[in-house]
Amino acid sequence: QGIDIRHDKDRKVRRKEPKSQDIYLRLLVKLYRFLARRTNAPFNRVVLKRLFMSRSNRPPLALSRLVCALRVTRGARSRILRAGGSILTFDQLAMATPKGKGTVLLSG
């Protein structure tokens, strides 16, 4: 006789799509899925993975480094523009640098 081994924790569980029904987020997912598949840049795979994250797990960023975001508050927008920065959305970033060259992904 042997020991019964529990296999209920063997499977890796990760999101395959965002839980949100927001059509703009889903369009971004469609765009970055294409870029992750067609380019060999790991940048696009990481962005795609982060688009799937829940809002509580999506990490906040320091404003001094912020360039691209899903949404920006009015106060943050004024502080970034006053400091001479520029704000991009993810689709604008994909058009500017499809492979993510010269960009740094920040989290935490």
PDB file of N, CA and C in Angstrom:
ATOM      1  N   GLN A   1       0.828  -1.191   0.000  1.00  0.00           N
ATOM      2  CA  GLN A   1       0.000   0.000   0.000  1.00  0.00           C
ATOM      3  C   GLN A   1       0.869   1.251   0.000  1.00  0.00           C
ATOM      4  N   GLY A   2       0.355   2.286  -0.657  1.00  0.00           N
ATOM      5  CA  GLY A   2       1.108   3.522  -0.736  1.00  0.00           C
ATOM      6  C   GLY A   2       0.391   4.661  -0.032  1.00  0.00           C
ATOM      7  N   ILE A   3       0.993   5.826  -0.147  1.00  0.00           N
ATOM      8  CA  ILE A   3       0.414   7.023   0.460  1.00  0.00           C
ATOM      9  C   ILE A   3      -0.293   7.805  -0.632  1.00  0.00           C
ATOM     10  N   ASP A   4      -1.483   8.292  -0.328  1.00  0.00           N
ATOM     11  CA  ASP A   4      -2.194   9.150  -1.271  1.00  0.00           C
ATOM     12  C   ASP A   4      -1.513  10.511  -1.308  1.00  0.00           C
ATOM     13  N   ILE A   5      -1.098  10.932  -2.485  1.00  0.00           N
ATOM     14  CA  ILE A   5      -0.437  12.223  -2.650  1.00  0.00           C
ATOM     15  C   ILE A   5      -1.476  13.233  -3.106  1.00  0.00           C
ATOM     16  N   ARG A   6      -1.473  14.391  -2.450  1.00  0.00           N
ATOM     17  CA  ARG A   6      -2.431  15.440  -2.816  1.00  0.00           C
ATOM     18  C   ARG A   6      -1.937  16.159  -4.067  1.00  0.00           C
ATOM     19  N   HIS A   7      -2.760  16.181  -5.079  1.00  0.00           N
ATOM     20  CA  HIS A   7      -2.386  16.843  -6.332  1.00  0.00           C
ATOM     21  C   HIS A   7      -3.184  18.121  -6.567  1.00  0.00           C
ATOM     22  N   ASP A   8      -3.949  18.559  -5.555  1.00  0.00           N
ATOM     23  CA  ASP A   8      -4.804  19.727  -5.775  1.00  0.00           C
ATOM     24  C   ASP A   8      -4.008  21.031  -5.845  1.00  0.00           C
ATOM     25  N   LYS A   9      -2.761  21.029  -5.404  1.00  0.00           N
ATOM     26  CA  LYS A   9      -1.962  22.255  -5.441  1.00  0.00           C
ATOM     27  C   LYS A   9      -0.899  22.220  -6.546  1.00  0.00           C
ATOM     28  N   ASP A  10      -0.951  21.230  -7.424  1.00  0.00           N
ATOM     29  CA  ASP A  10       0.056  21.085  -8.473  1.00  0.00           C
ATOM     30  C   ASP A  10      -0.101  22.108  -9.599  1.00  0.00           C
ATOM     31  N   ARG A  11      -1.340  22.460  -9.911  1.00  0.00           N
ATOM     32  CA  ARG A  11      -1.612  23.286 -11.085  1.00  0.00           C
ATOM     33  C   ARG A  11      -1.287  24.750 -10.808  1.00  0.00           C
ATOM     34  N   LYS A  12      -0.559  25.379 -11.721  1.00  0.00           N
ATOM     35  CA  LYS A  12      -0.302  26.810 -11.608  1.00  0.00           C
ATOM     36  C   LYS A  12      -1.550  27.557 -12.041  1.00  0.00           C
ATOM     37  N   VAL A  13      -1.965  28.517 -11.239  1.00  0.00           N
ATOM     38  CA  VAL A  13      -3.168  29.277 -11.555  1.00  0.00           C
ATOM     39  C   VAL A  13      -2.758  30.706 -11.869  1.00  0.00           C
ATOM     40  N   ARG A  14      -3.016  31.143 -13.078  1.00  0.00           N
ATOM     41  CA  ARG A  14      -2.757  32.530 -13.440  1.00  0.00           C
ATOM     42  C   ARG A  14      -3.812  32.976 -14.437  1.00  0.00           C
ATOM     43  N   ARG A  15      -4.038  34.267 -14.458  1.00  0.00           N
ATOM     44  CA  ARG A  15      -5.093  34.800 -15.316  1.00  0.00           C
ATOM     45  C   ARG A  15      -4.701  34.725 -16.779  1.00  0.00           C
ATOM     46  N   LYS A  16      -5.683  34.405 -17.600  1.00  0.00           N
ATOM     47  CA  LYS A  16      -5.472  34.369 -19.045  1.00  0.00           C
ATOM     48  C   LYS A  16      -6.070  35.612 -19.708  1.00  0.00           C
ATOM     49  N   GLU A  17      -6.921  36.305 -18.975  1.00  0.00           N
ATOM     50  CA  GLU A  17      -7.549  37.529 -19.477  1.00  0.00           C
ATOM     51  C   GLU A  17      -7.933  38.378 -18.278  1.00  0.00           C
ATOM     52  N   PRO A  18      -8.140  39.683 -18.476  1.00  0.00           N
ATOM     53  CA  PRO A  18      -8.527  40.519 -17.334  1.00  0.00           C
ATOM     54  C   PRO A  18      -9.956  40.217 -16.893  1.00  0.00           C
ATOM     55  N   LYS A  19     -10.208  40.383 -15.610  1.00  0.00           N
ATOM     56  CA  LYS A  19     -11.548  40.148 -15.087  1.00  0.00           C
ATOM     57  C   LYS A  19     -12.481  41.302 -15.465  1.00  0.00           C
ATOM     58  N   SER A  20     -11.892  42.477 -15.655  1.00  0.00           N
ATOM     59  CA  SER A  20     -12.663  43.674 -15.969  1.00  0.00           C
ATOM     60  C   SER A  20     -13.295  43.570 -17.360  1.00  0.00           C
ATOM     61  N   GLN A  21     -14.463  44.148 -17.499  1.00  0.00           N
ATOM     62  CA  GLN A  21     -15.147  44.177 -18.791  1.00  0.00           C
ATOM     63  C   GLN A  21     -14.908  45.498 -19.534  1.00  0.00           C
ATOM     64  N   ASP A  22     -13.984  46.315 -19.027  1.00  0.00           N
ATOM     65  CA  ASP A  22     -13.663  47.600 -19.637  1.00  0.00           C
ATOM     66  C   ASP A  22     -13.157  47.381 -21.070  1.00  0.00           C
ATOM     67  N   ILE A  23     -13.850  47.974 -22.039  1.00  0.00           N
ATOM     68  CA  ILE A  23     -13.512  47.711 -23.440  1.00  0.00           C
ATOM     69  C   ILE A  23     -12.153  48.279 -23.820  1.00  0.00           C
ATOM     70  N   TYR A  24     -11.737  49.384 -23.180  1.00  0.00           N
ATOM     71  CA  TYR A  24     -10.442  49.977 -23.504  1.00  0.00           C
ATOM     72  C   TYR A  24      -9.305  49.108 -22.970  1.00  0.00           C
ATOM     73  N   LEU A  25      -9.496  48.546 -21.786  1.00  0.00           N
ATOM     74  CA  LEU A  25      -8.503  47.622 -21.242  1.00  0.00           C
ATOM     75  C   LEU A  25      -8.413  46.378 -22.113  1.00  0.00           C
ATOM     76  N   ARG A  26      -9.540  45.891 -22.587  1.00  0.00           N
ATOM     77  CA  ARG A  26      -9.551  44.694 -23.437  1.00  0.00           C
ATOM     78  C   ARG A  26      -8.889  44.964 -24.792  1.00  0.00           C
ATOM     79  N   LEU A  27      -9.029  46.187 -25.311  1.00  0.00           N
ATOM     80  CA  LEU A  27      -8.331  46.554 -26.551  1.00  0.00           C
ATOM     81  C   LEU A  27      -6.817  46.586 -26.330  1.00  0.00           C
ATOM     82  N   LEU A  28      -6.401  47.101 -25.164  1.00  0.00           N
ATOM     83  CA  LEU A  28      -4.972  47.098 -24.845  1.00  0.00           C
ATOM     84  C   LEU A  28      -4.443  45.675 -24.733  1.00  0.00           C
ATOM     85  N   VAL A  29      -5.237  44.789 -24.142  1.00  0.00           N
ATOM     86  CA  VAL A  29      -4.831  43.387 -24.023  1.00  0.00           C
ATOM     87  C   VAL A  29      -4.674  42.773 -25.409  1.00  0.00           C
ATOM     88  N   LYS A  30      -5.608  43.085 -26.290  1.00  0.00           N
ATOM     89  CA  LYS A  30      -5.538  42.558 -27.658  1.00  0.00           C
ATOM     90  C   LYS A  30      -4.275  43.056 -28.362  1.00  0.00           C
ATOM     91  N   LEU A  31      -3.959  44.340 -28.178  1.00  0.00           N
ATOM     92  CA  LEU A  31      -2.769  44.935 -28.783  1.00  0.00           C
ATOM     93  C   LEU A  31      -1.491  44.297 -28.241  1.00  0.00           C
ATOM     94  N   TYR A  32      -1.387  44.176 -26.915  1.00  0.00           N
ATOM     95  CA  TYR A  32      -0.160  43.638 -26.330  1.00  0.00           C
ATOM     96  C   TYR A  32      -0.046  42.131 -26.502  1.00  0.00           C
ATOM     97  N   ARG A  33      -1.168  41.429 -26.675  1.00  0.00           N
ATOM     98  CA  ARG A  33      -1.103  40.004 -27.024  1.00  0.00           C
ATOM     99  C   ARG A  33      -0.442  39.838 -28.389  1.00  0.00           C
ATOM    100  N   PHE A  34      -0.849  40.697 -29.321  1.00  0.00           N
ATOM    101  CA  PHE A  34      -0.267  40.674 -30.663  1.00  0.00           C
ATOM    102  C   PHE A  34       1.226  40.983 -30.602  1.00  0.00           C
ATOM    103  N   LEU A  35       1.585  42.060 -29.865  1.00  0.00           N
ATOM    104  CA  LEU A  35       2.991  42.454 -29.784  1.00  0.00           C
ATOM    105  C   LEU A  35       3.839  41.390 -29.088  1.00  0.00           C
ATOM    106  N   ALA A  36       3.290  40.758 -28.050  1.00  0.00           N
ATOM    107  CA  ALA A  36       4.041  39.716 -27.337  1.00  0.00           C
ATOM    108  C   ALA A  36       4.265  38.505 -28.234  1.00  0.00           C
ATOM    109  N   ARG A  37       3.293  38.228 -29.094  1.00  0.00           N
ATOM    110  CA  ARG A  37       3.411  37.080 -29.991  1.00  0.00           C
ATOM    111  C   ARG A  37       4.357  37.370 -31.152  1.00  0.00           C
ATOM    112  N   ARG A  38       4.304  38.585 -31.690  1.00  0.00           N
ATOM    113  CA  ARG A  38       5.040  38.884 -32.913  1.00  0.00           C
ATOM    114  C   ARG A  38       6.442  39.446 -32.687  1.00  0.00           C
ATOM    115  N   THR A  39       6.710  39.981 -31.499  1.00  0.00           N
ATOM    116  CA  THR A  39       8.062  40.459 -31.206  1.00  0.00           C
ATOM    117  C   THR A  39       8.665  39.536 -30.164  1.00  0.00           C
ATOM    118  N   ASN A  40       9.973  39.468 -30.142  1.00  0.00           N
ATOM    119  CA  ASN A  40      10.610  38.610 -29.152  1.00  0.00           C
ATOM    120  C   ASN A  40      11.013  39.388 -27.906  1.00  0.00           C
ATOM    121  N   ALA A  41      10.480  40.605 -27.740  1.00  0.00           N
ATOM    122  CA  ALA A  41      10.833  41.439 -26.596  1.00  0.00           C
ATOM    123  C   ALA A  41      10.062  40.989 -25.352  1.00  0.00           C
ATOM    124  N   PRO A  42      10.753  40.720 -24.259  1.00  0.00           N
ATOM    125  CA  PRO A  42      10.061  40.321 -23.028  1.00  0.00           C
ATOM    126  C   PRO A  42       9.235  41.450 -22.424  1.00  0.00           C
ATOM    127  N   PHE A  43       9.541  42.692 -22.819  1.00  0.00           N
ATOM    128  CA  PHE A  43       8.807  43.861 -22.332  1.00  0.00           C
ATOM    129  C   PHE A  43       7.302  43.699 -22.554  1.00  0.00           C
ATOM    130  N   ASN A  44       6.916  43.273 -23.754  1.00  0.00           N
ATOM    131  CA  ASN A  44       5.495  43.154 -24.087  1.00  0.00           C
ATOM    132  C   ASN A  44       4.811  42.053 -23.286  1.00  0.00           C
ATOM    133  N   ARG A  45       5.525  40.977 -23.005  1.00  0.00           N
ATOM    134  CA  ARG A  45       4.949  39.901 -22.189  1.00  0.00           C
ATOM    135  C   ARG A  45       4.689  40.372 -20.762  1.00  0.00           C
ATOM    136  N   VAL A  46       5.613  41.183 -20.232  1.00  0.00           N
ATOM    137  CA  VAL A  46       5.460  41.692 -18.868  1.00  0.00           C
ATOM    138  C   VAL A  46       4.297  42.674 -18.794  1.00  0.00           C
ATOM    139  N   VAL A  47       4.183  43.559 -19.786  1.00  0.00           N
ATOM    140  CA  VAL A  47       3.065  44.508 -19.813  1.00  0.00           C
ATOM    141  C   VAL A  47       1.746  43.757 -19.903  1.00  0.00           C
ATOM    142  N   LEU A  48       1.703  42.734 -20.738  1.00  0.00           N
ATOM    143  CA  LEU A  48       0.486  41.930 -20.877  1.00  0.00           C
ATOM    144  C   LEU A  48       0.115  41.271 -19.552  1.00  0.00           C
ATOM    145  N   LYS A  49       1.099  40.729 -18.869  1.00  0.00           N
ATOM    146  CA  LYS A  49       0.848  40.083 -17.575  1.00  0.00           C
ATOM    147  C   LYS A  49       0.306  41.090 -16.564  1.00  0.00           C
ATOM    148  N   ARG A  50       0.844  42.306 -16.584  1.00  0.00           N
ATOM    149  CA  ARG A  50       0.401  43.327 -15.631  1.00  0.00           C
ATOM    150  C   ARG A  50      -0.974  43.873 -15.976  1.00  0.00           C
ATOM    151  N   LEU A  51      -1.353  43.829 -17.247  1.00  0.00           N
ATOM    152  CA  LEU A  51      -2.705  44.260 -17.607  1.00  0.00           C
ATOM    153  C   LEU A  51      -3.754  43.295 -17.064  1.00  0.00           C
ATOM    154  N   PHE A  52      -3.371  42.040 -16.844  1.00  0.00           N
ATOM    155  CA  PHE A  52      -4.295  41.058 -16.283  1.00  0.00           C
ATOM    156  C   PHE A  52      -4.495  41.225 -14.783  1.00  0.00           C
ATOM    157  N   MET A  53      -3.599  41.929 -14.114  1.00  0.00           N
ATOM    158  CA  MET A  53      -3.620  41.997 -12.653  1.00  0.00           C
ATOM    159  C   MET A  53      -4.861  42.703 -12.134  1.00  0.00           C
ATOM    160  N   SER A  54      -5.245  42.333 -10.922  1.00  0.00           N
ATOM    161  CA  SER A  54      -6.354  43.020 -10.266  1.00  0.00           C
ATOM    162  C   SER A  54      -5.884  44.407  -9.850  1.00  0.00           C
ATOM    163  N   ARG A  55      -6.823  45.272  -9.536  1.00  0.00           N
ATOM    164  CA  ARG A  55      -6.472  46.643  -9.214  1.00  0.00           C
ATOM    165  C   ARG A  55      -5.614  46.720  -7.948  1.00  0.00           C
ATOM    166  N   SER A  56      -5.894  45.839  -6.986  1.00  0.00           N
ATOM    167  CA  SER A  56      -5.115  45.861  -5.740  1.00  0.00           C
ATOM    168  C   SER A  56      -3.696  45.345  -5.954  1.00  0.00           C
ATOM    169  N   ASN A  57      -3.486  44.497  -6.931  1.00  0.00           N
ATOM    170  CA  ASN A  57      -2.149  43.970  -7.204  1.00  0.00           C
ATOM    171  C   ASN A  57      -1.387  44.775  -8.239  1.00  0.00           C
ATOM    172  N   ARG A  58      -2.073  45.714  -8.909  1.00  0.00           N
ATOM    173  CA  ARG A  58      -1.374  46.560  -9.863  1.00  0.00           C
ATOM    174  C   ARG A  58      -0.565  47.577  -9.074  1.00  0.00           C
ATOM    175  N   PRO A  59       0.761  47.563  -9.176  1.00  0.00           N
ATOM    176  CA  PRO A  59       1.573  48.344  -8.248  1.00  0.00           C
ATOM    177  C   PRO A  59       1.531  49.842  -8.532  1.00  0.00           C
ATOM    178  N   PRO A  60       1.569  50.659  -7.456  1.00  0.00           N
ATOM    179  CA  PRO A  60       1.662  52.111  -7.642  1.00  0.00           C
ATOM    180  C   PRO A  60       3.084  52.497  -8.030  1.00  0.00           C
ATOM    181  N   LEU A  61       3.234  53.662  -8.661  1.00  0.00           N
ATOM    182  CA  LEU A  61       4.552  54.104  -9.122  1.00  0.00           C
ATOM    183  C   LEU A  61       4.865  55.488  -8.581  1.00  0.00           C
ATOM    184  N   ALA A  62       6.146  55.788  -8.462  1.00  0.00           N
ATOM    185  CA  ALA A  62       6.565  57.126  -8.076  1.00  0.00           C
ATOM    186  C   ALA A  62       6.314  58.074  -9.247  1.00  0.00           C
ATOM    187  N   LEU A  63       5.801  59.268  -8.949  1.00  0.00           N
ATOM    188  CA  LEU A  63       5.425  60.200 -10.017  1.00  0.00           C
ATOM    189  C   LEU A  63       6.620  60.725 -10.792  1.00  0.00           C
ATOM    190  N   SER A  64       7.792  60.769 -10.152  1.00  0.00           N
ATOM    191  CA  SER A  64       8.956  61.304 -10.860  1.00  0.00           C
ATOM    192  C   SER A  64       9.350  60.415 -12.035  1.00  0.00           C
ATOM    193  N   ARG A  65       9.003  59.125 -11.978  1.00  0.00           N
ATOM    194  CA  ARG A  65       9.366  58.196 -13.043  1.00  0.00           C
ATOM    195  C   ARG A  65       8.216  57.921 -14.006  1.00  0.00           C
ATOM    196  N   LEU A  66       7.024  58.362 -13.657  1.00  0.00           N
ATOM    197  CA  LEU A  66       5.836  57.940 -14.393  1.00  0.00           C
ATOM    198  C   LEU A  66       5.800  58.540 -15.793  1.00  0.00           C
ATOM    199  N   VAL A  67       5.621  57.700 -16.771  1.00  0.00           N
ATOM    200  CA  VAL A  67       5.517  58.145 -18.158  1.00  0.00           C
ATOM    201  C   VAL A  67       4.246  57.595 -18.781  1.00  0.00           C
ATOM    202  N   CYS A  68       3.943  56.339 -18.506  1.00  0.00           N
ATOM    203  CA  CYS A  68       2.833  55.661 -19.157  1.00  0.00           C
ATOM    204  C   CYS A  68       1.958  54.989 -18.100  1.00  0.00           C
ATOM    205  N   ALA A  69       0.641  55.170 -18.211  1.00  0.00           N
ATOM    206  CA  ALA A  69      -0.259  54.575 -17.220  1.00  0.00           C
ATOM    207  C   ALA A  69      -1.630  54.350 -17.834  1.00  0.00           C
ATOM    208  N   LEU A  70      -2.421  53.513 -17.178  1.00  0.00           N
ATOM    209  CA  LEU A  70      -3.792  53.282 -17.629  1.00  0.00           C
ATOM    210  C   LEU A  70      -4.634  54.533 -17.440  1.00  0.00           C
ATOM    211  N   ARG A  71      -4.489  55.163 -16.261  1.00  0.00           N
ATOM    212  CA  ARG A  71      -5.205  56.414 -16.002  1.00  0.00           C
ATOM    213  C   ARG A  71      -4.363  57.277 -15.078  1.00  0.00           C
ATOM    214  N   VAL A  72      -4.538  58.601 -15.178  1.00  0.00           N
ATOM    215  CA  VAL A  72      -3.772  59.541 -14.368  1.00  0.00           C
ATOM    216  C   VAL A  72      -4.747  60.524 -13.745  1.00  0.00           C
ATOM    217  N   THR A  73      -4.598  60.765 -12.439  1.00  0.00           N
ATOM    218  CA  THR A  73      -5.478  61.719 -11.772  1.00  0.00           C
ATOM    219  C   THR A  73      -5.114  63.139 -12.192  1.00  0.00           C
ATOM    220  N   ARG A  74      -6.024  64.067 -11.935  1.00  0.00           N
ATOM    221  CA  ARG A  74      -5.808  65.450 -12.347  1.00  0.00           C
ATOM    222  C   ARG A  74      -4.598  66.058 -11.630  1.00  0.00           C
ATOM    223  N   GLY A  75      -4.467  65.768 -10.332  1.00  0.00           N
ATOM    224  CA  GLY A  75      -3.342  66.291  -9.559  1.00  0.00           C
ATOM    225  C   GLY A  75      -2.015  65.738 -10.038  1.00  0.00           C
ATOM    226  N   ALA A  76      -1.984  64.434 -10.298  1.00  0.00           N
ATOM    227  CA  ALA A  76      -0.751  63.808 -10.782  1.00  0.00           C
ATOM    228  C   ALA A  76      -0.380  64.349 -12.155  1.00  0.00           C
ATOM    229  N   ARG A  77      -1.392  64.543 -13.003  1.00  0.00           N
ATOM    230  CA  ARG A  77      -1.140  65.080 -14.348  1.00  0.00           C
ATOM    231  C   ARG A  77      -0.485  66.454 -14.268  1.00  0.00           C
ATOM    232  N   SER A  78      -1.013  67.326 -13.401  1.00  0.00           N
ATOM    233  CA  SER A  78      -0.458  68.675 -13.297  1.00  0.00           C
ATOM    234  C   SER A  78       0.968  68.638 -12.747  1.00  0.00           C
ATOM    235  N   ARG A  79       1.240  67.748 -11.786  1.00  0.00           N
ATOM    236  CA  ARG A  79       2.585  67.654 -11.220  1.00  0.00           C
ATOM    237  C   ARG A  79       3.590  67.136 -12.244  1.00  0.00           C
ATOM    238  N   ILE A  80       3.177  66.167 -13.048  1.00  0.00           N
ATOM    239  CA  ILE A  80       4.086  65.613 -14.063  1.00  0.00           C
ATOM    240  C   ILE A  80       4.391  66.653 -15.131  1.00  0.00           C
ATOM    241  N   LEU A  81       3.350  67.336 -15.609  1.00  0.00           N
ATOM    242  CA  LEU A  81       3.545  68.334 -16.659  1.00  0.00           C
ATOM    243  C   LEU A  81       4.349  69.526 -16.148  1.00  0.00           C
ATOM    244  N   ARG A  82       4.132  69.913 -14.873  1.00  0.00           N
ATOM    245  CA  ARG A  82       4.878  71.020 -14.292  1.00  0.00           C
ATOM    246  C   ARG A  82       6.367  70.682 -14.177  1.00  0.00           C
ATOM    247  N   ALA A  83       6.664  69.405 -13.942  1.00  0.00           N
ATOM    248  CA  ALA A  83       8.062  68.969 -13.820  1.00  0.00           C
ATOM    249  C   ALA A  83       8.720  68.753 -15.179  1.00  0.00           C
ATOM    250  N   GLY A  84       7.953  68.948 -16.259  1.00  0.00           N
ATOM    251  CA  GLY A  84       8.523  68.803 -17.596  1.00  0.00           C
ATOM    252  C   GLY A  84       8.398  67.408 -18.166  1.00  0.00           C
ATOM    253  N   GLY A  85       7.593  66.568 -17.537  1.00  0.00           N
ATOM    254  CA  GLY A  85       7.401  65.208 -18.033  1.00  0.00           C
ATOM    255  C   GLY A  85       6.290  65.145 -19.063  1.00  0.00           C
ATOM    256  N   SER A  86       6.112  63.990 -19.648  1.00  0.00           N
ATOM    257  CA  SER A  86       5.014  63.788 -20.592  1.00  0.00           C
ATOM    258  C   SER A  86       4.281  62.510 -20.218  1.00  0.00           C
ATOM    259  N   ILE A  87       2.993  62.474 -20.497  1.00  0.00           N
ATOM    260  CA  ILE A  87       2.154  61.343 -20.116  1.00  0.00           C
ATOM    261  C   ILE A  87       1.698  60.619 -21.373  1.00  0.00           C
ATOM    262  N   LEU A  88       1.891  59.300 -21.381  1.00  0.00           N
ATOM    263  CA  LEU A  88       1.463  58.466 -22.499  1.00  0.00           C
ATOM    264  C   LEU A  88       0.454  57.441 -22.014  1.00  0.00           C
ATOM    265  N   THR A  89      -0.396  57.008 -22.919  1.00  0.00           N
ATOM    266  CA  THR A  89      -1.219  55.839 -22.642  1.00  0.00           C
ATOM    267  C   THR A  89      -0.503  54.631 -23.244  1.00  0.00           C
ATOM    268  N   PHE A  90      -0.971  53.432 -22.918  1.00  0.00           N
ATOM    269  CA  PHE A  90      -0.260  52.235 -23.375  1.00  0.00           C
ATOM    270  C   PHE A  90      -0.321  52.066 -24.894  1.00  0.00           C
ATOM    271  N   ASP A  91      -1.396  52.510 -25.522  1.00  0.00           N
ATOM    272  CA  ASP A  91      -1.448  52.392 -26.981  1.00  0.00           C
ATOM    273  C   ASP A  91      -0.470  53.370 -27.639  1.00  0.00           C
ATOM    274  N   GLN A  92      -0.301  54.557 -27.044  1.00  0.00           N
ATOM    275  CA  GLN A  92       0.689  55.502 -27.569  1.00  0.00           C
ATOM    276  C   GLN A  92       2.104  54.961 -27.377  1.00  0.00           C
ATOM    277  N   LEU A  93       2.338  54.297 -26.245  1.00  0.00           N
ATOM    278  CA  LEU A  93       3.648  53.690 -25.994  1.00  0.00           C
ATOM    279  C   LEU A  93       3.931  52.579 -27.000  1.00  0.00           C
ATOM    280  N   ALA A  94       2.905  51.791 -27.323  1.00  0.00           N
ATOM    281  CA  ALA A  94       3.079  50.699 -28.286  1.00  0.00           C
ATOM    282  C   ALA A  94       3.400  51.244 -29.677  1.00  0.00           C
ATOM    283  N   MET A  95       2.810  52.387 -30.027  1.00  0.00           N
ATOM    284  CA  MET A  95       3.114  53.000 -31.316  1.00  0.00           C
ATOM    285  C   MET A  95       4.529  53.590 -31.320  1.00  0.00           C
ATOM    286  N   ALA A  96       4.939  54.184 -30.199  1.00  0.00           N
ATOM    287  CA  ALA A  96       6.254  54.826 -30.130  1.00  0.00           C
ATOM    288  C   ALA A  96       7.379  53.793 -30.079  1.00  0.00           C
ATOM    289  N   THR A  97       7.259  52.808 -29.199  1.00  0.00           N
ATOM    290  CA  THR A  97       8.293  51.772 -29.072  1.00  0.00           C
ATOM    291  C   THR A  97       7.624  50.408 -28.973  1.00  0.00           C
ATOM    292  N   PRO A  98       7.397  49.740 -30.098  1.00  0.00           N
ATOM    293  CA  PRO A  98       6.718  48.437 -30.075  1.00  0.00           C
ATOM    294  C   PRO A  98       7.467  47.368 -29.287  1.00  0.00           C
ATOM    295  N   LYS A  99       8.797  47.444 -29.271  1.00  0.00           N
ATOM    296  CA  LYS A  99       9.570  46.444 -28.533  1.00  0.00           C
ATOM    297  C   LYS A  99       9.928  46.907 -27.128  1.00  0.00           C
ATOM    298  N   GLY A 100       9.536  48.130 -26.769  1.00  0.00           N
ATOM    299  CA  GLY A 100       9.836  48.635 -25.437  1.00  0.00           C
ATOM    300  C   GLY A 100      11.268  49.094 -25.269  1.00  0.00           C
ATOM    301  N   LYS A 101      11.923  49.416 -26.378  1.00  0.00           N
ATOM    302  CA  LYS A 101      13.330  49.828 -26.318  1.00  0.00           C
ATOM    303  C   LYS A 101      13.434  51.198 -25.646  1.00  0.00           C
ATOM    304  N   GLY A 102      14.338  51.308 -24.694  1.00  0.00           N
ATOM    305  CA  GLY A 102      14.538  52.576 -23.993  1.00  0.00           C
ATOM    306  C   GLY A 102      13.510  52.840 -22.912  1.00  0.00           C
ATOM    307  N   THR A 103      12.721  51.849 -22.559  1.00  0.00           N
ATOM    308  CA  THR A 103      11.736  52.017 -21.492  1.00  0.00           C
ATOM    309  C   THR A 103      12.102  51.122 -20.315  1.00  0.00           C
ATOM    310  N   VAL A 104      11.694  51.558 -19.139  1.00  0.00           N
ATOM    311  CA  VAL A 104      11.952  50.801 -17.918  1.00  0.00           C
ATOM    312  C   VAL A 104      10.615  50.533 -17.253  1.00  0.00           C
ATOM    313  N   LEU A 105      10.335  49.270 -16.953  1.00  0.00           N
ATOM    314  CA  LEU A 105       9.113  48.908 -16.244  1.00  0.00           C
ATOM    315  C   LEU A 105       9.359  49.024 -14.750  1.00  0.00           C
ATOM    316  N   LEU A 106       8.539  49.813 -14.088  1.00  0.00           N
ATOM    317  CA  LEU A 106       8.676  49.999 -12.650  1.00  0.00           C
ATOM    318  C   LEU A 106       7.468  49.419 -11.952  1.00  0.00           C
ATOM    319  N   SER A 107       7.685  48.908 -10.756  1.00  0.00           N
ATOM    320  CA  SER A 107       6.567  48.466  -9.925  1.00  0.00           C
ATOM    321  C   SER A 107       6.972  48.603  -8.475  1.00  0.00           C
ATOM    322  N   GLY A 108       6.008  48.956  -7.641  1.00  0.00           N
ATOM    323  CA  GLY A 108       6.285  49.036  -6.210  1.00  0.00           C
ATOM    324  C   GLY A 108       6.563  50.404  -5.708  1.00  0.00           C
TER     325      GLY A 108
END
